[in-house]
PDB file of all heavy atoms in Angstrom:
ATOM      1  N   GLY A   1      39.076  35.209  29.978  1.00  0.00           N
ATOM      2  CA  GLY A   1      39.916  35.392  31.153  1.00  0.00           C
ATOM      3  C   GLY A   1      40.862  34.226  31.347  1.00  0.00           C
ATOM      4  O   GLY A   1      42.019  34.402  31.747  1.00  0.00           O
ATOM      5  N   ALA A   2      40.382  33.021  31.061  1.00  0.00           N
ATOM      6  CA  ALA A   2      41.224  31.837  31.217  1.00  0.00           C
ATOM      7  C   ALA A   2      42.397  31.857  30.247  1.00  0.00           C
ATOM      8  O   ALA A   2      43.518  31.448  30.595  1.00  0.00           O
ATOM      9  CB  ALA A   2      40.392  30.580  31.001  1.00  0.00           C
ATOM     10  N   GLU A   3      42.165  32.347  29.038  1.00  0.00           N
ATOM     11  CA  GLU A   3      43.250  32.428  28.052  1.00  0.00           C
ATOM     12  C   GLU A   3      44.295  33.460  28.470  1.00  0.00           C
ATOM     13  O   GLU A   3      45.503  33.225  28.343  1.00  0.00           O
ATOM     14  CB  GLU A   3      42.674  32.752  26.676  1.00  0.00           C
ATOM     15  CG  GLU A   3      41.940  31.582  26.045  1.00  0.00           C
ATOM     16  CD  GLU A   3      41.234  31.958  24.754  1.00  0.00           C
ATOM     17  OE1 GLU A   3      40.389  32.888  24.786  1.00  0.00           O
ATOM     18  OE2 GLU A   3      41.514  31.325  23.727  1.00  0.00           O
ATOM     19  N   TRP A   4      43.835  34.600  28.984  1.00  0.00           N
ATOM     20  CA  TRP A   4      44.792  35.603  29.475  1.00  0.00           C
ATOM     21  C   TRP A   4      45.560  35.058  30.672  1.00  0.00           C
ATOM     22  O   TRP A   4      46.763  35.292  30.814  1.00  0.00           O
ATOM     23  CB  TRP A   4      44.074  36.895  29.857  1.00  0.00           C
ATOM     24  CG  TRP A   4      43.528  37.681  28.701  1.00  0.00           C
ATOM     25  CD1 TRP A   4      42.223  37.875  28.395  1.00  0.00           C
ATOM     26  CD2 TRP A   4      44.286  38.388  27.699  1.00  0.00           C
ATOM     27  NE1 TRP A   4      42.107  38.658  27.261  1.00  0.00           N
ATOM     28  CE2 TRP A   4      43.354  38.988  26.819  1.00  0.00           C
ATOM     29  CE3 TRP A   4      45.651  38.567  27.465  1.00  0.00           C
ATOM     30  CZ2 TRP A   4      43.745  39.751  25.719  1.00  0.00           C
ATOM     31  CZ3 TRP A   4      46.047  39.324  26.372  1.00  0.00           C
ATOM     32  CH2 TRP A   4      45.110  39.911  25.515  1.00  0.00           C
ATOM     33  N   GLU A   5      44.879  34.313  31.529  1.00  0.00           N
ATOM     34  CA  GLU A   5      45.524  33.729  32.701  1.00  0.00           C
ATOM     35  C   GLU A   5      46.672  32.810  32.302  1.00  0.00           C
ATOM     36  O   GLU A   5      47.720  32.781  32.948  1.00  0.00           O
ATOM     37  CB  GLU A   5      44.487  32.939  33.513  1.00  0.00           C
ATOM     38  CG  GLU A   5      45.035  32.277  34.774  1.00  0.00           C
ATOM     39  CD  GLU A   5      45.423  33.275  35.844  1.00  0.00           C
ATOM     40  OE1 GLU A   5      44.820  34.363  35.904  1.00  0.00           O
ATOM     41  OE2 GLU A   5      46.340  32.950  36.632  1.00  0.00           O
ATOM     42  N   GLY A   6      46.472  32.070  31.227  1.00  0.00           N
ATOM     43  CA  GLY A   6      47.505  31.138  30.791  1.00  0.00           C
ATOM     44  C   GLY A   6      48.571  31.752  29.920  1.00  0.00           C
ATOM     45  O   GLY A   6      49.499  31.051  29.470  1.00  0.00           O
ATOM     46  N   SER A   7      48.475  33.076  29.663  1.00  0.00           N
ATOM     47  CA  SER A   7      49.424  33.734  28.754  1.00  0.00           C
ATOM     48  C   SER A   7      49.906  35.058  29.349  1.00  0.00           C
ATOM     49  O   SER A   7      49.592  36.141  28.832  1.00  0.00           O
ATOM     50  CB  SER A   7      48.751  33.974  27.398  1.00  0.00           C
ATOM     51  OG  SER A   7      48.121  32.817  26.919  1.00  0.00           O
ATOM     52  N   PRO A   8      50.669  35.006  30.433  1.00  0.00           N
ATOM     53  CA  PRO A   8      51.088  36.246  31.111  1.00  0.00           C
ATOM     54  C   PRO A   8      51.905  37.182  30.222  1.00  0.00           C
ATOM     55  O   PRO A   8      51.820  38.407  30.375  1.00  0.00           O
ATOM     56  CB  PRO A   8      51.906  35.741  32.306  1.00  0.00           C
ATOM     57  CG  PRO A   8      52.266  34.331  31.972  1.00  0.00           C
ATOM     58  CD  PRO A   8      51.154  33.807  31.138  1.00  0.00           C
ATOM     59  N   ASP A   9      52.705  36.635  29.303  1.00  0.00           N
ATOM     60  CA  ASP A   9      53.485  37.501  28.411  1.00  0.00           C
ATOM     61  C   ASP A   9      52.557  38.303  27.500  1.00  0.00           C
ATOM     62  O   ASP A   9      52.820  39.478  27.205  1.00  0.00           O
ATOM     63  CB  ASP A   9      54.445  36.669  27.563  1.00  0.00           C
ATOM     64  CG  ASP A   9      55.561  36.056  28.393  1.00  0.00           C
ATOM     65  OD1 ASP A   9      55.803  36.535  29.516  1.00  0.00           O
ATOM     66  OD2 ASP A   9      56.195  35.093  27.921  1.00  0.00           O
ATOM     67  N   ALA A  10      51.480  37.670  27.062  1.00  0.00           N
ATOM     68  CA  ALA A  10      50.517  38.360  26.214  1.00  0.00           C
ATOM     69  C   ALA A  10      49.823  39.474  26.987  1.00  0.00           C
ATOM     70  O   ALA A  10      49.537  40.541  26.432  1.00  0.00           O
ATOM     71  CB  ALA A  10      49.485  37.365  25.673  1.00  0.00           C
ATOM     72  N   VAL A  11      49.559  39.253  28.270  1.00  0.00           N
ATOM     73  CA  VAL A  11      48.930  40.275  29.106  1.00  0.00           C
ATOM     74  C   VAL A  11      49.781  41.536  29.119  1.00  0.00           C
ATOM     75  O   VAL A  11      49.292  42.654  28.892  1.00  0.00           O
ATOM     76  CB  VAL A  11      48.723  39.763  30.550  1.00  0.00           C
ATOM     77  CG1 VAL A  11      48.342  40.914  31.481  1.00  0.00           C
ATOM     78  CG2 VAL A  11      47.647  38.681  30.576  1.00  0.00           C
ATOM     79  N   THR A  12      51.065  41.373  29.361  1.00  0.00           N
ATOM     80  CA  THR A  12      51.971  42.526  29.439  1.00  0.00           C
ATOM     81  C   THR A  12      51.978  43.312  28.135  1.00  0.00           C
ATOM     82  O   THR A  12      51.863  44.543  28.126  1.00  0.00           O
ATOM     83  CB  THR A  12      53.395  42.048  29.770  1.00  0.00           C
ATOM     84  OG1 THR A  12      53.380  41.353  31.018  1.00  0.00           O
ATOM     85  CG2 THR A  12      54.345  43.234  29.872  1.00  0.00           C
ATOM     86  N   LEU A  13      52.092  42.604  27.028  1.00  0.00           N
ATOM     87  CA  LEU A  13      52.144  43.264  25.719  1.00  0.00           C
ATOM     88  C   LEU A  13      50.826  43.956  25.396  1.00  0.00           C
ATOM     89  O   LEU A  13      50.810  45.086  24.899  1.00  0.00           O
ATOM     90  CB  LEU A  13      52.468  42.242  24.630  1.00  0.00           C
ATOM     91  CG  LEU A  13      53.879  41.637  24.682  1.00  0.00           C
ATOM     92  CD1 LEU A  13      53.996  40.489  23.685  1.00  0.00           C
ATOM     93  CD2 LEU A  13      54.930  42.705  24.388  1.00  0.00           C
ATOM     94  N   ALA A  14      49.722  43.279  25.687  1.00  0.00           N
ATOM     95  CA  ALA A  14      48.413  43.848  25.370  1.00  0.00           C
ATOM     96  C   ALA A  14      48.131  45.099  26.201  1.00  0.00           C
ATOM     97  O   ALA A  14      47.618  46.092  25.676  1.00  0.00           O
ATOM     98  CB  ALA A  14      47.329  42.803  25.594  1.00  0.00           C
ATOM     99  N   ILE A  15      48.452  45.047  27.475  1.00  0.00           N
ATOM    100  CA  ILE A  15      48.194  46.196  28.346  1.00  0.00           C
ATOM    101  C   ILE A  15      48.964  47.420  27.858  1.00  0.00           C
ATOM    102  O   ILE A  15      48.420  48.535  27.783  1.00  0.00           O
ATOM    103  CB  ILE A  15      48.580  45.874  29.804  1.00  0.00           C
ATOM    104  CG1 ILE A  15      47.579  44.887  30.415  1.00  0.00           C
ATOM    105  CG2 ILE A  15      48.629  47.138  30.645  1.00  0.00           C
ATOM    106  CD1 ILE A  15      46.181  45.427  30.568  1.00  0.00           C
ATOM    107  N   GLU A  16      50.211  47.239  27.518  1.00  0.00           N
ATOM    108  CA  GLU A  16      51.021  48.361  27.027  1.00  0.00           C
ATOM    109  C   GLU A  16      50.389  48.977  25.784  1.00  0.00           C
ATOM    110  O   GLU A  16      50.293  50.204  25.647  1.00  0.00           O
ATOM    111  CB  GLU A  16      52.441  47.889  26.723  1.00  0.00           C
ATOM    112  CG  GLU A  16      53.245  47.503  27.967  1.00  0.00           C
ATOM    113  CD  GLU A  16      54.607  46.933  27.619  1.00  0.00           C
ATOM    114  OE1 GLU A  16      54.877  46.760  26.408  1.00  0.00           O
ATOM    115  OE2 GLU A  16      55.398  46.669  28.545  1.00  0.00           O
ATOM    116  N   ALA A  17      49.942  48.107  24.859  1.00  0.00           N
ATOM    117  CA  ALA A  17      49.353  48.605  23.616  1.00  0.00           C
ATOM    118  C   ALA A  17      48.017  49.288  23.870  1.00  0.00           C
ATOM    119  O   ALA A  17      47.709  50.329  23.269  1.00  0.00           O
ATOM    120  CB  ALA A  17      49.177  47.447  22.638  1.00  0.00           C
ATOM    121  N   LEU A  18      47.207  48.727  24.765  1.00  0.00           N
ATOM    122  CA  LEU A  18      45.893  49.300  25.032  1.00  0.00           C
ATOM    123  C   LEU A  18      46.003  50.661  25.712  1.00  0.00           C
ATOM    124  O   LEU A  18      45.238  51.577  25.417  1.00  0.00           O
ATOM    125  CB  LEU A  18      45.076  48.338  25.906  1.00  0.00           C
ATOM    126  CG  LEU A  18      44.634  47.046  25.213  1.00  0.00           C
ATOM    127  CD1 LEU A  18      44.033  46.082  26.225  1.00  0.00           C
ATOM    128  CD2 LEU A  18      43.633  47.348  24.112  1.00  0.00           C
ATOM    129  N   ILE A  19      46.939  50.795  26.619  1.00  0.00           N
ATOM    130  CA  ILE A  19      47.120  52.084  27.291  1.00  0.00           C
ATOM    131  C   ILE A  19      47.625  53.128  26.296  1.00  0.00           C
ATOM    132  O   ILE A  19      47.177  54.279  26.311  1.00  0.00           O
ATOM    133  CB  ILE A  19      48.077  51.940  28.485  1.00  0.00           C
ATOM    134  CG1 ILE A  19      47.383  51.122  29.589  1.00  0.00           C
ATOM    135  CG2 ILE A  19      48.488  53.311  29.017  1.00  0.00           C
ATOM    136  CD1 ILE A  19      48.238  50.871  30.797  1.00  0.00           C
ATOM    137  N   ARG A  20      48.519  52.727  25.404  1.00  0.00           N
ATOM    138  CA  ARG A  20      48.990  53.658  24.374  1.00  0.00           C
ATOM    139  C   ARG A  20      47.833  54.088  23.476  1.00  0.00           C
ATOM    140  O   ARG A  20      47.724  55.251  23.104  1.00  0.00           O
ATOM    141  CB  ARG A  20      50.085  53.007  23.515  1.00  0.00           C
ATOM    142  CG  ARG A  20      51.448  52.949  24.152  1.00  0.00           C
ATOM    143  CD  ARG A  20      52.536  52.750  23.100  1.00  0.00           C
ATOM    144  NE  ARG A  20      52.294  51.561  22.287  1.00  0.00           N
ATOM    145  CZ  ARG A  20      52.713  50.340  22.585  1.00  0.00           C
ATOM    146  NH1 ARG A  20      53.387  50.133  23.714  1.00  0.00           N
ATOM    147  NH2 ARG A  20      52.470  49.319  21.791  1.00  0.00           N
ATOM    148  N   SER A  21      46.963  53.156  23.139  1.00  0.00           N
ATOM    149  CA  SER A  21      45.849  53.482  22.243  1.00  0.00           C
ATOM    150  C   SER A  21      44.856  54.421  22.912  1.00  0.00           C
ATOM    151  O   SER A  21      44.139  55.158  22.232  1.00  0.00           O
ATOM    152  CB  SER A  21      45.133  52.202  21.798  1.00  0.00           C
ATOM    153  OG  SER A  21      44.392  51.625  22.859  1.00  0.00           O
ATOM    154  N   GLY A  22      44.796  54.413  24.226  1.00  0.00           N
ATOM    155  CA  GLY A  22      43.879  55.286  24.944  1.00  0.00           C
ATOM    156  C   GLY A  22      44.458  56.639  25.278  1.00  0.00           C
ATOM    157  O   GLY A  22      43.766  57.496  25.828  1.00  0.00           O
ATOM    158  N   ASP A  23      45.734  56.843  24.945  1.00  0.00           N
ATOM    159  CA  ASP A  23      46.410  58.104  25.267  1.00  0.00           C
ATOM    160  C   ASP A  23      46.240  59.079  24.111  1.00  0.00           C
ATOM    161  O   ASP A  23      46.871  58.942  23.065  1.00  0.00           O
ATOM    162  CB  ASP A  23      47.892  57.842  25.539  1.00  0.00           C
ATOM    163  CG  ASP A  23      48.609  59.077  26.057  1.00  0.00           C
ATOM    164  OD1 ASP A  23      47.992  60.160  26.065  1.00  0.00           O
ATOM    165  OD2 ASP A  23      49.782  58.948  26.452  1.00  0.00           O
ATOM    166  N   ARG A  24      45.375  60.066  24.262  1.00  0.00           N
ATOM    167  CA  ARG A  24      45.130  61.025  23.182  1.00  0.00           C
ATOM    168  C   ARG A  24      46.354  61.860  22.850  1.00  0.00           C
ATOM    169  O   ARG A  24      46.449  62.447  21.779  1.00  0.00           O
ATOM    170  CB  ARG A  24      43.951  61.926  23.551  1.00  0.00           C
ATOM    171  CG  ARG A  24      42.628  61.209  23.429  1.00  0.00           C
ATOM    172  CD  ARG A  24      41.474  62.080  23.900  1.00  0.00           C
ATOM    173  NE  ARG A  24      40.201  61.480  23.568  1.00  0.00           N
ATOM    174  CZ  ARG A  24      39.696  60.413  24.173  1.00  0.00           C
ATOM    175  NH1 ARG A  24      40.376  59.835  25.149  1.00  0.00           N
ATOM    176  NH2 ARG A  24      38.532  59.907  23.806  1.00  0.00           N
ATOM    177  N   ARG A  25      47.312  61.877  23.747  1.00  0.00           N
ATOM    178  CA  ARG A  25      48.530  62.649  23.479  1.00  0.00           C
ATOM    179  C   ARG A  25      49.372  61.983  22.400  1.00  0.00           C
ATOM    180  O   ARG A  25      50.296  62.573  21.848  1.00  0.00           O
ATOM    181  CB  ARG A  25      49.352  62.784  24.760  1.00  0.00           C
ATOM    182  CG  ARG A  25      48.673  63.637  25.824  1.00  0.00           C
ATOM    183  CD  ARG A  25      49.404  63.559  27.140  1.00  0.00           C
ATOM    184  NE  ARG A  25      49.422  62.203  27.655  1.00  0.00           N
ATOM    185  CZ  ARG A  25      50.011  61.851  28.805  1.00  0.00           C
ATOM    186  NH1 ARG A  25      50.610  62.768  29.534  1.00  0.00           N
ATOM    187  NH2 ARG A  25      49.983  60.594  29.208  1.00  0.00           N
TER     188      ARG A  25
END
């Protein structure tokens, strides 16, 4: 959590990719 806290740009990129990976469509 501390690493994500210090890397907000990485959070944005990771969230987008994770949501895409969870989209069965």
